[in-house]
């Protein structure tokens, strides 16, 4: 998927470079922007997958921390309700 998007974008760059018509160049530039947005999304997904694969213990610790913060928040809310 990544290589397909990169190849598509490279073809658009080449096409824009060899086009003389300004309106056509603008159209191609818009296509390049769209393809680049797709590329960013795919790269972000790849990065997240790499993090999950390479850092499972770090992620477990982060999940525990979030769960603990949630428990503390619930406890504080119970105490506030009791004080009222």
C-alpha atoms as a PDB file:
ATOM      1  CA  UNK A   1       0.000   0.000   0.000  1.00  0.00           C
ATOM      2  CA  UNK A   2       2.726   2.434   1.000  1.00  0.00           C
ATOM      3  CA  UNK A   3       4.765   1.820  -2.132  1.00  0.00           C
ATOM      4  CA  UNK A   4       1.695   2.130  -4.333  1.00  0.00           C
ATOM      5  CA  UNK A   5       0.892   5.555  -2.851  1.00  0.00           C
ATOM      6  CA  UNK A   6       4.501   6.702  -3.164  1.00  0.00           C
ATOM      7  CA  UNK A   7       4.625   5.521  -6.769  1.00  0.00           C
ATOM      8  CA  UNK A   8       1.368   7.326  -7.562  1.00  0.00           C
ATOM      9  CA  UNK A   9       2.651  10.547  -6.024  1.00  0.00           C
ATOM     10  CA  UNK A  10       5.954  10.314  -7.893  1.00  0.00           C
ATOM     11  CA  UNK A  11       4.105   9.855 -11.168  1.00  0.00           C
ATOM     12  CA  UNK A  12       2.014  12.927 -10.423  1.00  0.00           C
ATOM     13  CA  UNK A  13       5.136  14.977  -9.658  1.00  0.00           C
ATOM     14  CA  UNK A  14       6.653  13.865 -12.975  1.00  0.00           C
ATOM     15  CA  UNK A  15       3.441  14.620 -14.840  1.00  0.00           C
ATOM     16  CA  UNK A  16       3.187  18.082 -13.267  1.00  0.00           C
ATOM     17  CA  UNK A  17       6.810  18.832 -14.102  1.00  0.00           C
ATOM     18  CA  UNK A  18       6.274  17.984 -17.780  1.00  0.00           C
ATOM     19  CA  UNK A  19       2.954  19.783 -18.176  1.00  0.00           C
ATOM     20  CA  UNK A  20       2.895  23.288 -19.598  1.00  0.00           C
ATOM     21  CA  UNK A  21      -0.782  24.084 -19.069  1.00  0.00           C
ATOM     22  CA  UNK A  22      -1.158  25.982 -15.766  1.00  0.00           C
ATOM     23  CA  UNK A  23      -4.708  24.864 -15.044  1.00  0.00           C
ATOM     24  CA  UNK A  24      -3.665  21.252 -15.566  1.00  0.00           C
ATOM     25  CA  UNK A  25      -0.673  21.812 -13.273  1.00  0.00           C
ATOM     26  CA  UNK A  26      -3.020  23.144 -10.594  1.00  0.00           C
ATOM     27  CA  UNK A  27      -5.259  20.110 -10.968  1.00  0.00           C
ATOM     28  CA  UNK A  28      -2.292  17.777 -10.621  1.00  0.00           C
ATOM     29  CA  UNK A  29      -1.091  19.725  -7.573  1.00  0.00           C
ATOM     30  CA  UNK A  30      -4.480  19.133  -5.922  1.00  0.00           C
ATOM     31  CA  UNK A  31      -4.164  15.426  -6.677  1.00  0.00           C
ATOM     32  CA  UNK A  32      -0.688  15.424  -5.146  1.00  0.00           C
ATOM     33  CA  UNK A  33      -2.081  16.985  -1.981  1.00  0.00           C
ATOM     34  CA  UNK A  34      -4.790  14.313  -1.752  1.00  0.00           C
ATOM     35  CA  UNK A  35      -2.304  11.505  -2.272  1.00  0.00           C
ATOM     36  CA  UNK A  36       0.047  13.040   0.303  1.00  0.00           C
ATOM     37  CA  UNK A  37      -2.793  13.110   2.848  1.00  0.00           C
ATOM     38  CA  UNK A  38      -3.399   9.401   2.237  1.00  0.00           C
ATOM     39  CA  UNK A  39       0.319   8.776   2.580  1.00  0.00           C
ATOM     40  CA  UNK A  40       0.404  10.546   5.959  1.00  0.00           C
ATOM     41  CA  UNK A  41      -2.453   8.385   7.237  1.00  0.00           C
ATOM     42  CA  UNK A  42      -0.781   5.172   6.110  1.00  0.00           C
ATOM     43  CA  UNK A  43       2.544   6.207   7.651  1.00  0.00           C
ATOM     44  CA  UNK A  44       0.789   7.037  10.926  1.00  0.00           C
ATOM     45  CA  UNK A  45      -0.838   3.587  10.995  1.00  0.00           C
ATOM     46  CA  UNK A  46       2.501   1.930  10.273  1.00  0.00           C
ATOM     47  CA  UNK A  47       4.142   3.896  13.075  1.00  0.00           C
ATOM     48  CA  UNK A  48       1.407   2.898  15.543  1.00  0.00           C
ATOM     49  CA  UNK A  49       1.734  -0.762  14.540  1.00  0.00           C
ATOM     50  CA  UNK A  50       5.499  -0.591  14.989  1.00  0.00           C
ATOM     51  CA  UNK A  51       5.039   0.870  18.474  1.00  0.00           C
ATOM     52  CA  UNK A  52       2.631  -1.893  19.439  1.00  0.00           C
ATOM     53  CA  UNK A  53       5.029  -4.566  18.190  1.00  0.00           C
ATOM     54  CA  UNK A  54       8.228  -3.035  19.565  1.00  0.00           C
ATOM     55  CA  UNK A  55       7.023  -1.683  22.930  1.00  0.00           C
ATOM     56  CA  UNK A  56       4.388  -3.977  24.449  1.00  0.00           C
ATOM     57  CA  UNK A  57       5.699  -3.579  28.007  1.00  0.00           C
ATOM     58  CA  UNK A  58       5.717   0.202  27.699  1.00  0.00           C
ATOM     59  CA  UNK A  59       2.130   0.123  26.451  1.00  0.00           C
ATOM     60  CA  UNK A  60       1.055  -2.161  29.321  1.00  0.00           C
ATOM     61  CA  UNK A  61       2.550   0.318  31.796  1.00  0.00           C
ATOM     62  CA  UNK A  62       0.740   3.208  30.127  1.00  0.00           C
ATOM     63  CA  UNK A  63      -2.557   1.299  30.290  1.00  0.00           C
ATOM     64  CA  UNK A  64      -2.017   0.580  33.997  1.00  0.00           C
ATOM     65  CA  UNK A  65      -1.290   4.253  34.673  1.00  0.00           C
ATOM     66  CA  UNK A  66      -4.467   5.346  32.905  1.00  0.00           C
ATOM     67  CA  UNK A  67      -6.513   2.742  34.795  1.00  0.00           C
ATOM     68  CA  UNK A  68      -5.029   3.869  38.118  1.00  0.00           C
ATOM     69  CA  UNK A  69      -5.792   7.502  37.360  1.00  0.00           C
ATOM     70  CA  UNK A  70      -9.360   6.508  36.529  1.00  0.00           C
ATOM     71  CA  UNK A  71      -9.710   4.652  39.843  1.00  0.00           C
ATOM     72  CA  UNK A  72      -8.329   7.620  41.776  1.00  0.00           C
ATOM     73  CA  UNK A  73     -10.738   9.949  40.022  1.00  0.00           C
ATOM     74  CA  UNK A  74     -13.694   7.710  40.922  1.00  0.00           C
ATOM     75  CA  UNK A  75     -12.548   7.557  44.539  1.00  0.00           C
ATOM     76  CA  UNK A  76     -12.297  11.344  44.718  1.00  0.00           C
ATOM     77  CA  UNK A  77     -15.789  11.683  43.265  1.00  0.00           C
ATOM     78  CA  UNK A  78     -17.171   9.272  45.899  1.00  0.00           C
ATOM     79  CA  UNK A  79     -15.493  11.261  48.665  1.00  0.00           C
ATOM     80  CA  UNK A  80     -16.950  14.522  47.317  1.00  0.00           C
ATOM     81  CA  UNK A  81     -20.431  13.004  47.216  1.00  0.00           C
ATOM     82  CA  UNK A  82     -20.065  11.799  50.800  1.00  0.00           C
ATOM     83  CA  UNK A  83     -18.987  15.273  51.943  1.00  0.00           C
ATOM     84  CA  UNK A  84     -22.121  16.846  50.491  1.00  0.00           C
END
